[in-house]
Full PDB file with SEQRES, HELIX, SHEET, SSBOND, CRYST1, ORIGX, SCALE, CONECT and MASTER records, all heavy atoms in Angstrom:
SEQRES   1 A   32  VAL ASP LEU VAL GLN HIS ILE SER SER VAL ILE SER GLY          
SEQRES   2 A   32  ILE GLY SER ILE SER MET GLN THR ASN LEU LEU ALA LEU          
SEQRES   3 A   32  ASN ALA SER VAL GLU ALA                                      
HELIX    1 AA1 ASP A    2  GLU A   31  1                                  30    
CRYST1    1.000    1.000    1.000  90.00  90.00  90.00 P 1           1          
ORIGX1      1.000000  0.000000  0.000000        0.00000                         
ORIGX2      0.000000  1.000000  0.000000        0.00000                         
ORIGX3      0.000000  0.000000  1.000000        0.00000                         
SCALE1      1.000000  0.000000  0.000000        0.00000                         
SCALE2      0.000000  1.000000  0.000000        0.00000                         
SCALE3      0.000000  0.000000  1.000000        0.00000                         
ATOM      1  N   VAL A   1     -35.141 -10.476 -60.929  1.00  0.00           N  
ATOM      2  CA  VAL A   1     -34.364 -11.675 -61.011  1.00  0.00           C  
ATOM      3  C   VAL A   1     -33.363 -11.963 -59.890  1.00  0.00           C  
ATOM      4  O   VAL A   1     -33.358 -13.093 -59.242  1.00  0.00           O  
ATOM      5  CB  VAL A   1     -33.491 -11.648 -62.360  1.00  0.00           C  
ATOM      6  CG1 VAL A   1     -32.538 -12.914 -62.441  1.00  0.00           C  
ATOM      7  CG2 VAL A   1     -34.464 -11.750 -63.607  1.00  0.00           C  
ATOM      8  N   ASP A   2     -32.752 -10.834 -59.425  1.00  0.00           N  
ATOM      9  CA  ASP A   2     -31.901 -10.911 -58.250  1.00  0.00           C  
ATOM     10  C   ASP A   2     -32.678 -11.374 -57.060  1.00  0.00           C  
ATOM     11  O   ASP A   2     -32.225 -12.182 -56.147  1.00  0.00           O  
ATOM     12  CB  ASP A   2     -31.158  -9.681 -58.004  1.00  0.00           C  
ATOM     13  CG  ASP A   2     -30.106  -9.255 -59.071  1.00  0.00           C  
ATOM     14  OD1 ASP A   2     -29.714 -10.255 -59.758  1.00  0.00           O  
ATOM     15  OD2 ASP A   2     -29.683  -8.162 -59.278  1.00  0.00           O  
ATOM     16  N   LEU A   3     -33.939 -10.695 -56.886  1.00  0.00           N  
ATOM     17  CA  LEU A   3     -34.654 -11.010 -55.805  1.00  0.00           C  
ATOM     18  C   LEU A   3     -35.302 -12.495 -55.764  1.00  0.00           C  
ATOM     19  O   LEU A   3     -35.240 -13.164 -54.792  1.00  0.00           O  
ATOM     20  CB  LEU A   3     -35.965 -10.022 -55.777  1.00  0.00           C  
ATOM     21  CG  LEU A   3     -36.931 -10.166 -54.559  1.00  0.00           C  
ATOM     22  CD1 LEU A   3     -36.191  -9.963 -53.320  1.00  0.00           C  
ATOM     23  CD2 LEU A   3     -38.030  -9.264 -54.697  1.00  0.00           C  
ATOM     24  N   VAL A   4     -35.618 -12.893 -57.010  1.00  0.00           N  
ATOM     25  CA  VAL A   4     -36.155 -14.234 -57.141  1.00  0.00           C  
ATOM     26  C   VAL A   4     -34.931 -15.270 -56.747  1.00  0.00           C  
ATOM     27  O   VAL A   4     -35.117 -16.371 -56.154  1.00  0.00           O  
ATOM     28  CB  VAL A   4     -36.618 -14.551 -58.537  1.00  0.00           C  
ATOM     29  CG1 VAL A   4     -36.857 -16.035 -58.854  1.00  0.00           C  
ATOM     30  CG2 VAL A   4     -37.945 -13.704 -58.820  1.00  0.00           C  
ATOM     31  N   GLN A   5     -33.751 -14.887 -57.197  1.00  0.00           N  
ATOM     32  CA  GLN A   5     -32.620 -15.701 -56.924  1.00  0.00           C  
ATOM     33  C   GLN A   5     -32.401 -15.737 -55.346  1.00  0.00           C  
ATOM     34  O   GLN A   5     -32.059 -16.923 -54.904  1.00  0.00           O  
ATOM     35  CB  GLN A   5     -31.366 -15.054 -57.599  1.00  0.00           C  
ATOM     36  CG  GLN A   5     -30.140 -15.915 -57.442  1.00  0.00           C  
ATOM     37  CD  GLN A   5     -30.179 -17.226 -58.388  1.00  0.00           C  
ATOM     38  OE1 GLN A   5     -30.898 -17.292 -59.321  1.00  0.00           O  
ATOM     39  NE2 GLN A   5     -29.645 -18.374 -57.791  1.00  0.00           N  
ATOM     40  N   HIS A   6     -32.565 -14.599 -54.787  1.00  0.00           N  
ATOM     41  CA  HIS A   6     -32.396 -14.641 -53.259  1.00  0.00           C  
ATOM     42  C   HIS A   6     -33.523 -15.460 -52.640  1.00  0.00           C  
ATOM     43  O   HIS A   6     -33.200 -16.234 -51.587  1.00  0.00           O  
ATOM     44  CB  HIS A   6     -32.606 -13.184 -52.734  1.00  0.00           C  
ATOM     45  CG  HIS A   6     -32.424 -13.014 -51.342  1.00  0.00           C  
ATOM     46  ND1 HIS A   6     -31.255 -13.308 -50.576  1.00  0.00           N  
ATOM     47  CD2 HIS A   6     -33.383 -12.584 -50.356  1.00  0.00           C  
ATOM     48  CE1 HIS A   6     -31.472 -13.167 -49.294  1.00  0.00           C  
ATOM     49  NE2 HIS A   6     -32.711 -12.787 -49.036  1.00  0.00           N  
ATOM     50  N   ILE A   7     -34.735 -15.330 -53.174  1.00  0.00           N  
ATOM     51  CA  ILE A   7     -35.947 -16.144 -52.549  1.00  0.00           C  
ATOM     52  C   ILE A   7     -35.590 -17.553 -52.747  1.00  0.00           C  
ATOM     53  O   ILE A   7     -35.858 -18.364 -51.909  1.00  0.00           O  
ATOM     54  CB  ILE A   7     -37.268 -15.708 -53.236  1.00  0.00           C  
ATOM     55  CG1 ILE A   7     -37.506 -14.182 -52.772  1.00  0.00           C  
ATOM     56  CG2 ILE A   7     -38.363 -16.663 -52.845  1.00  0.00           C  
ATOM     57  CD1 ILE A   7     -38.786 -13.687 -53.582  1.00  0.00           C  
ATOM     58  N   SER A   8     -35.046 -17.880 -53.904  1.00  0.00           N  
ATOM     59  CA  SER A   8     -34.748 -19.337 -54.208  1.00  0.00           C  
ATOM     60  C   SER A   8     -33.673 -19.832 -53.197  1.00  0.00           C  
ATOM     61  O   SER A   8     -33.806 -20.895 -52.773  1.00  0.00           O  
ATOM     62  CB  SER A   8     -34.241 -19.357 -55.645  1.00  0.00           C  
ATOM     63  OG  SER A   8     -33.922 -20.774 -55.952  1.00  0.00           O  
ATOM     64  N   SER A   9     -32.725 -18.946 -52.864  1.00  0.00           N  
ATOM     65  CA  SER A   9     -31.733 -19.411 -51.948  1.00  0.00           C  
ATOM     66  C   SER A   9     -32.357 -19.596 -50.541  1.00  0.00           C  
ATOM     67  O   SER A   9     -32.084 -20.571 -49.724  1.00  0.00           O  
ATOM     68  CB  SER A   9     -30.664 -18.319 -51.848  1.00  0.00           C  
ATOM     69  OG  SER A   9     -30.037 -18.187 -53.091  1.00  0.00           O  
ATOM     70  N   VAL A  10     -33.314 -18.617 -50.153  1.00  0.00           N  
ATOM     71  CA  VAL A  10     -33.890 -18.839 -48.969  1.00  0.00           C  
ATOM     72  C   VAL A  10     -34.788 -20.074 -48.808  1.00  0.00           C  
ATOM     73  O   VAL A  10     -34.791 -20.872 -47.804  1.00  0.00           O  
ATOM     74  CB  VAL A  10     -34.829 -17.553 -48.644  1.00  0.00           C  
ATOM     75  CG1 VAL A  10     -35.720 -17.746 -47.330  1.00  0.00           C  
ATOM     76  CG2 VAL A  10     -34.007 -16.266 -48.512  1.00  0.00           C  
ATOM     77  N   ILE A  11     -35.583 -20.343 -49.912  1.00  0.00           N  
ATOM     78  CA  ILE A  11     -36.355 -21.580 -49.892  1.00  0.00           C  
ATOM     79  C   ILE A  11     -35.527 -22.829 -49.907  1.00  0.00           C  
ATOM     80  O   ILE A  11     -35.817 -23.761 -49.122  1.00  0.00           O  
ATOM     81  CB  ILE A  11     -37.304 -21.517 -51.176  1.00  0.00           C  
ATOM     82  CG1 ILE A  11     -38.317 -20.443 -51.078  1.00  0.00           C  
ATOM     83  CG2 ILE A  11     -37.889 -22.843 -51.423  1.00  0.00           C  
ATOM     84  CD1 ILE A  11     -39.123 -20.256 -52.420  1.00  0.00           C  
ATOM     85  N   SER A  12     -34.435 -22.708 -50.536  1.00  0.00           N  
ATOM     86  CA  SER A  12     -33.508 -23.855 -50.378  1.00  0.00           C  
ATOM     87  C   SER A  12     -33.077 -24.114 -48.988  1.00  0.00           C  
ATOM     88  O   SER A  12     -32.878 -25.235 -48.476  1.00  0.00           O  
ATOM     89  CB  SER A  12     -32.216 -23.660 -51.396  1.00  0.00           C  
ATOM     90  OG  SER A  12     -32.602 -23.644 -52.656  1.00  0.00           O  
ATOM     91  N   GLY A  13     -32.688 -22.914 -48.290  1.00  0.00           N  
ATOM     92  CA  GLY A  13     -32.269 -23.073 -46.878  1.00  0.00           C  
ATOM     93  C   GLY A  13     -33.453 -23.668 -46.021  1.00  0.00           C  
ATOM     94  O   GLY A  13     -33.252 -24.505 -45.143  1.00  0.00           O  
ATOM     95  N   ILE A  14     -34.655 -23.118 -46.268  1.00  0.00           N  
ATOM     96  CA  ILE A  14     -35.830 -23.622 -45.547  1.00  0.00           C  
ATOM     97  C   ILE A  14     -35.954 -25.120 -45.832  1.00  0.00           C  
ATOM     98  O   ILE A  14     -36.259 -25.936 -44.777  1.00  0.00           O  
ATOM     99  CB  ILE A  14     -37.042 -22.808 -45.845  1.00  0.00           C  
ATOM    100  CG1 ILE A  14     -36.935 -21.362 -45.360  1.00  0.00           C  
ATOM    101  CG2 ILE A  14     -38.365 -23.530 -45.143  1.00  0.00           C  
ATOM    102  CD1 ILE A  14     -38.097 -20.537 -45.942  1.00  0.00           C  
ATOM    103  N   GLY A  15     -35.792 -25.578 -47.026  1.00  0.00           N  
ATOM    104  CA  GLY A  15     -36.014 -26.922 -47.332  1.00  0.00           C  
ATOM    105  C   GLY A  15     -35.051 -27.787 -46.643  1.00  0.00           C  
ATOM    106  O   GLY A  15     -35.260 -28.845 -46.158  1.00  0.00           O  
ATOM    107  N   SER A  16     -33.777 -27.276 -46.493  1.00  0.00           N  
ATOM    108  CA  SER A  16     -32.615 -27.974 -45.893  1.00  0.00           C  
ATOM    109  C   SER A  16     -32.889 -28.112 -44.315  1.00  0.00           C  
ATOM    110  O   SER A  16     -32.850 -29.217 -43.842  1.00  0.00           O  
ATOM    111  CB  SER A  16     -31.329 -27.242 -46.153  1.00  0.00           C  
ATOM    112  OG  SER A  16     -30.231 -27.924 -45.496  1.00  0.00           O  
ATOM    113  N   ILE A  17     -33.444 -26.980 -43.910  1.00  0.00           N  
ATOM    114  CA  ILE A  17     -33.737 -26.988 -42.448  1.00  0.00           C  
ATOM    115  C   ILE A  17     -34.966 -27.979 -42.176  1.00  0.00           C  
ATOM    116  O   ILE A  17     -34.997 -28.784 -41.153  1.00  0.00           O  
ATOM    117  CB  ILE A  17     -34.092 -25.664 -41.960  1.00  0.00           C  
ATOM    118  CG1 ILE A  17     -32.890 -24.752 -41.952  1.00  0.00           C  
ATOM    119  CG2 ILE A  17     -34.593 -25.637 -40.421  1.00  0.00           C  
ATOM    120  CD1 ILE A  17     -33.053 -23.248 -41.707  1.00  0.00           C  
ATOM    121  N   SER A  18     -35.820 -28.023 -42.998  1.00  0.00           N  
ATOM    122  CA  SER A  18     -37.047 -28.844 -42.930  1.00  0.00           C  
ATOM    123  C   SER A  18     -36.653 -30.376 -43.035  1.00  0.00           C  
ATOM    124  O   SER A  18     -37.170 -31.129 -42.218  1.00  0.00           O  
ATOM    125  CB  SER A  18     -38.076 -28.478 -44.088  1.00  0.00           C  
ATOM    126  OG  SER A  18     -39.219 -29.393 -44.022  1.00  0.00           O  
ATOM    127  N   MET A  19     -35.706 -30.658 -43.879  1.00  0.00           N  
ATOM    128  CA  MET A  19     -35.282 -32.006 -43.947  1.00  0.00           C  
ATOM    129  C   MET A  19     -34.565 -32.426 -42.729  1.00  0.00           C  
ATOM    130  O   MET A  19     -34.707 -33.481 -42.023  1.00  0.00           O  
ATOM    131  CB  MET A  19     -34.307 -32.205 -45.115  1.00  0.00           C  
ATOM    132  CG  MET A  19     -34.995 -32.131 -46.459  1.00  0.00           C  
ATOM    133  SD  MET A  19     -33.936 -32.368 -47.854  1.00  0.00           S  
ATOM    134  CE  MET A  19     -33.359 -34.016 -47.635  1.00  0.00           C  
ATOM    135  N   GLN A  20     -33.656 -31.574 -42.170  1.00  0.00           N  
ATOM    136  CA  GLN A  20     -33.027 -31.865 -40.915  1.00  0.00           C  
ATOM    137  C   GLN A  20     -34.039 -31.937 -39.760  1.00  0.00           C  
ATOM    138  O   GLN A  20     -33.947 -32.767 -38.803  1.00  0.00           O  
ATOM    139  CB  GLN A  20     -32.017 -30.558 -40.588  1.00  0.00           C  
ATOM    140  CG  GLN A  20     -30.789 -30.643 -41.547  1.00  0.00           C  
ATOM    141  CD  GLN A  20     -29.908 -29.503 -41.320  1.00  0.00           C  
ATOM    142  OE1 GLN A  20     -30.061 -28.772 -40.334  1.00  0.00           O  
ATOM    143  NE2 GLN A  20     -28.795 -29.395 -42.121  1.00  0.00           N  
ATOM    144  N   THR A  21     -35.010 -31.065 -39.726  1.00  0.00           N  
ATOM    145  CA  THR A  21     -36.098 -31.061 -38.711  1.00  0.00           C  
ATOM    146  C   THR A  21     -36.826 -32.516 -38.789  1.00  0.00           C  
ATOM    147  O   THR A  21     -37.110 -33.128 -37.771  1.00  0.00           O  
ATOM    148  CB  THR A  21     -37.095 -30.038 -38.828  1.00  0.00           C  
ATOM    149  OG1 THR A  21     -36.301 -28.793 -38.722  1.00  0.00           O  
ATOM    150  CG2 THR A  21     -38.191 -30.046 -37.739  1.00  0.00           C  
ATOM    151  N   ASN A  22     -37.046 -32.915 -40.033  1.00  0.00           N  
ATOM    152  CA  ASN A  22     -37.804 -34.244 -40.242  1.00  0.00           C  
ATOM    153  C   ASN A  22     -36.896 -35.380 -39.693  1.00  0.00           C  
ATOM    154  O   ASN A  22     -37.442 -36.297 -38.931  1.00  0.00           O  
ATOM    155  CB  ASN A  22     -38.117 -34.313 -41.680  1.00  0.00           C  
ATOM    156  CG  ASN A  22     -39.108 -35.620 -41.946  1.00  0.00           C  
ATOM    157  OD1 ASN A  22     -39.831 -35.864 -41.049  1.00  0.00           O  
ATOM    158  ND2 ASN A  22     -38.904 -36.113 -43.104  1.00  0.00           N  
ATOM    159  N   LEU A  23     -35.664 -35.287 -39.867  1.00  0.00           N  
ATOM    160  CA  LEU A  23     -34.775 -36.336 -39.348  1.00  0.00           C  
ATOM    161  C   LEU A  23     -34.700 -36.364 -37.859  1.00  0.00           C  
ATOM    162  O   LEU A  23     -34.727 -37.344 -37.136  1.00  0.00           O  
ATOM    163  CB  LEU A  23     -33.301 -36.138 -39.914  1.00  0.00           C  
ATOM    164  CG  LEU A  23     -33.199 -36.538 -41.399  1.00  0.00           C  
ATOM    165  CD1 LEU A  23     -31.738 -36.185 -41.936  1.00  0.00           C  
ATOM    166  CD2 LEU A  23     -33.516 -37.990 -41.724  1.00  0.00           C  
ATOM    167  N   LEU A  24     -34.607 -35.113 -37.388  1.00  0.00           N  
ATOM    168  CA  LEU A  24     -34.622 -34.987 -35.796  1.00  0.00           C  
ATOM    169  C   LEU A  24     -35.938 -35.478 -35.247  1.00  0.00           C  
ATOM    170  O   LEU A  24     -36.028 -36.151 -34.181  1.00  0.00           O  
ATOM    171  CB  LEU A  24     -34.405 -33.475 -35.469  1.00  0.00           C  
ATOM    172  CG  LEU A  24     -33.036 -32.932 -35.685  1.00  0.00           C  
ATOM    173  CD1 LEU A  24     -33.047 -31.461 -35.382  1.00  0.00           C  
ATOM    174  CD2 LEU A  24     -32.022 -33.679 -34.828  1.00  0.00           C  
ATOM    175  N   ALA A  25     -37.048 -35.104 -35.849  1.00  0.00           N  
ATOM    176  CA  ALA A  25     -38.450 -35.692 -35.460  1.00  0.00           C  
ATOM    177  C   ALA A  25     -38.387 -37.127 -35.474  1.00  0.00           C  
ATOM    178  O   ALA A  25     -39.011 -37.774 -34.614  1.00  0.00           O  
ATOM    179  CB  ALA A  25     -39.458 -34.990 -36.330  1.00  0.00           C  
ATOM    180  N   LEU A  26     -37.911 -37.670 -36.617  1.00  0.00           N  
ATOM    181  CA  LEU A  26     -37.991 -39.231 -36.686  1.00  0.00           C  
ATOM    182  C   LEU A  26     -37.131 -39.759 -35.647  1.00  0.00           C  
ATOM    183  O   LEU A  26     -37.553 -40.767 -34.959  1.00  0.00           O  
ATOM    184  CB  LEU A  26     -37.376 -39.527 -38.110  1.00  0.00           C  
ATOM    185  CG  LEU A  26     -37.325 -41.006 -38.467  1.00  0.00           C  
ATOM    186  CD1 LEU A  26     -38.752 -41.598 -38.335  1.00  0.00           C  
ATOM    187  CD2 LEU A  26     -36.655 -41.258 -39.861  1.00  0.00           C  
ATOM    188  N   ASN A  27     -35.898 -39.266 -35.332  1.00  0.00           N  
ATOM    189  CA  ASN A  27     -35.064 -39.859 -34.238  1.00  0.00           C  
ATOM    190  C   ASN A  27     -35.833 -39.646 -32.935  1.00  0.00           C  
ATOM    191  O   ASN A  27     -35.641 -40.489 -31.997  1.00  0.00           O  
ATOM    192  CB  ASN A  27     -33.736 -38.992 -34.287  1.00  0.00           C  
ATOM    193  CG  ASN A  27     -32.899 -39.400 -35.463  1.00  0.00           C  
ATOM    194  OD1 ASN A  27     -33.027 -40.476 -36.021  1.00  0.00           O  
ATOM    195  ND2 ASN A  27     -32.003 -38.528 -35.891  1.00  0.00           N  
ATOM    196  N   ALA A  28     -36.451 -38.451 -32.785  1.00  0.00           N  
ATOM    197  CA  ALA A  28     -37.234 -38.180 -31.533  1.00  0.00           C  
ATOM    198  C   ALA A  28     -38.339 -39.187 -31.291  1.00  0.00           C  
ATOM    199  O   ALA A  28     -38.562 -39.757 -30.210  1.00  0.00           O  
ATOM    200  CB  ALA A  28     -37.713 -36.761 -31.507  1.00  0.00           C  
ATOM    201  N   SER A  29     -38.956 -39.581 -32.384  1.00  0.00           N  
ATOM    202  CA  SER A  29     -39.991 -40.628 -32.336  1.00  0.00           C  
ATOM    203  C   SER A  29     -39.530 -41.892 -31.921  1.00  0.00           C  
ATOM    204  O   SER A  29     -40.112 -42.668 -31.155  1.00  0.00           O  
ATOM    205  CB  SER A  29     -40.735 -40.678 -33.733  1.00  0.00           C  
ATOM    206  OG  SER A  29     -41.371 -39.499 -33.936  1.00  0.00           O  
ATOM    207  N   VAL A  30     -38.316 -42.300 -32.423  1.00  0.00           N  
ATOM    208  CA  VAL A  30     -37.698 -43.539 -32.108  1.00  0.00           C  
ATOM    209  C   VAL A  30     -37.255 -43.619 -30.675  1.00  0.00           C  
ATOM    210  O   VAL A  30     -37.623 -44.535 -29.939  1.00  0.00           O  
ATOM    211  CB  VAL A  30     -36.452 -43.786 -33.063  1.00  0.00           C  
ATOM    212  CG1 VAL A  30     -35.675 -45.015 -32.505  1.00  0.00           C  
ATOM    213  CG2 VAL A  30     -36.907 -43.967 -34.577  1.00  0.00           C  
ATOM    214  N   GLU A  31     -36.804 -42.542 -30.194  1.00  0.00           N  
ATOM    215  CA  GLU A  31     -36.367 -42.377 -28.857  1.00  0.00           C  
ATOM    216  C   GLU A  31     -37.496 -42.452 -27.893  1.00  0.00           C  
ATOM    217  O   GLU A  31     -37.540 -43.001 -26.826  1.00  0.00           O  
ATOM    218  CB  GLU A  31     -35.507 -41.081 -28.599  1.00  0.00           C  
ATOM    219  CG  GLU A  31     -34.072 -41.181 -29.191  1.00  0.00           C  
ATOM    220  CD  GLU A  31     -33.205 -42.293 -28.732  1.00  0.00           C  
ATOM    221  OE1 GLU A  31     -33.329 -42.704 -27.569  1.00  0.00           O  
ATOM    222  OE2 GLU A  31     -32.356 -42.817 -29.552  1.00  0.00           O  
ATOM    223  N   ALA A  32     -38.624 -41.765 -28.310  1.00  0.00           N  
ATOM    224  CA  ALA A  32     -39.827 -41.758 -27.492  1.00  0.00           C  
ATOM    225  C   ALA A  32     -40.438 -43.268 -27.368  1.00  0.00           C  
ATOM    226  O   ALA A  32     -40.971 -43.632 -26.380  1.00  0.00           O  
ATOM    227  CB  ALA A  32     -40.894 -40.671 -28.131  1.00  0.00           C  
TER     228      ALA A  32                                                      
MASTER        0    0    0    1    0    0    0    6  227    1    0    3          
END                                                                             
């Protein structure tokens, strides 16, 4: 359960980074 909780935290972090990356990619497309 502790491990799953840790994985869940990691996945949440990855999701957050992915969303930020998506916004950066969108901004990059606009600038391009």
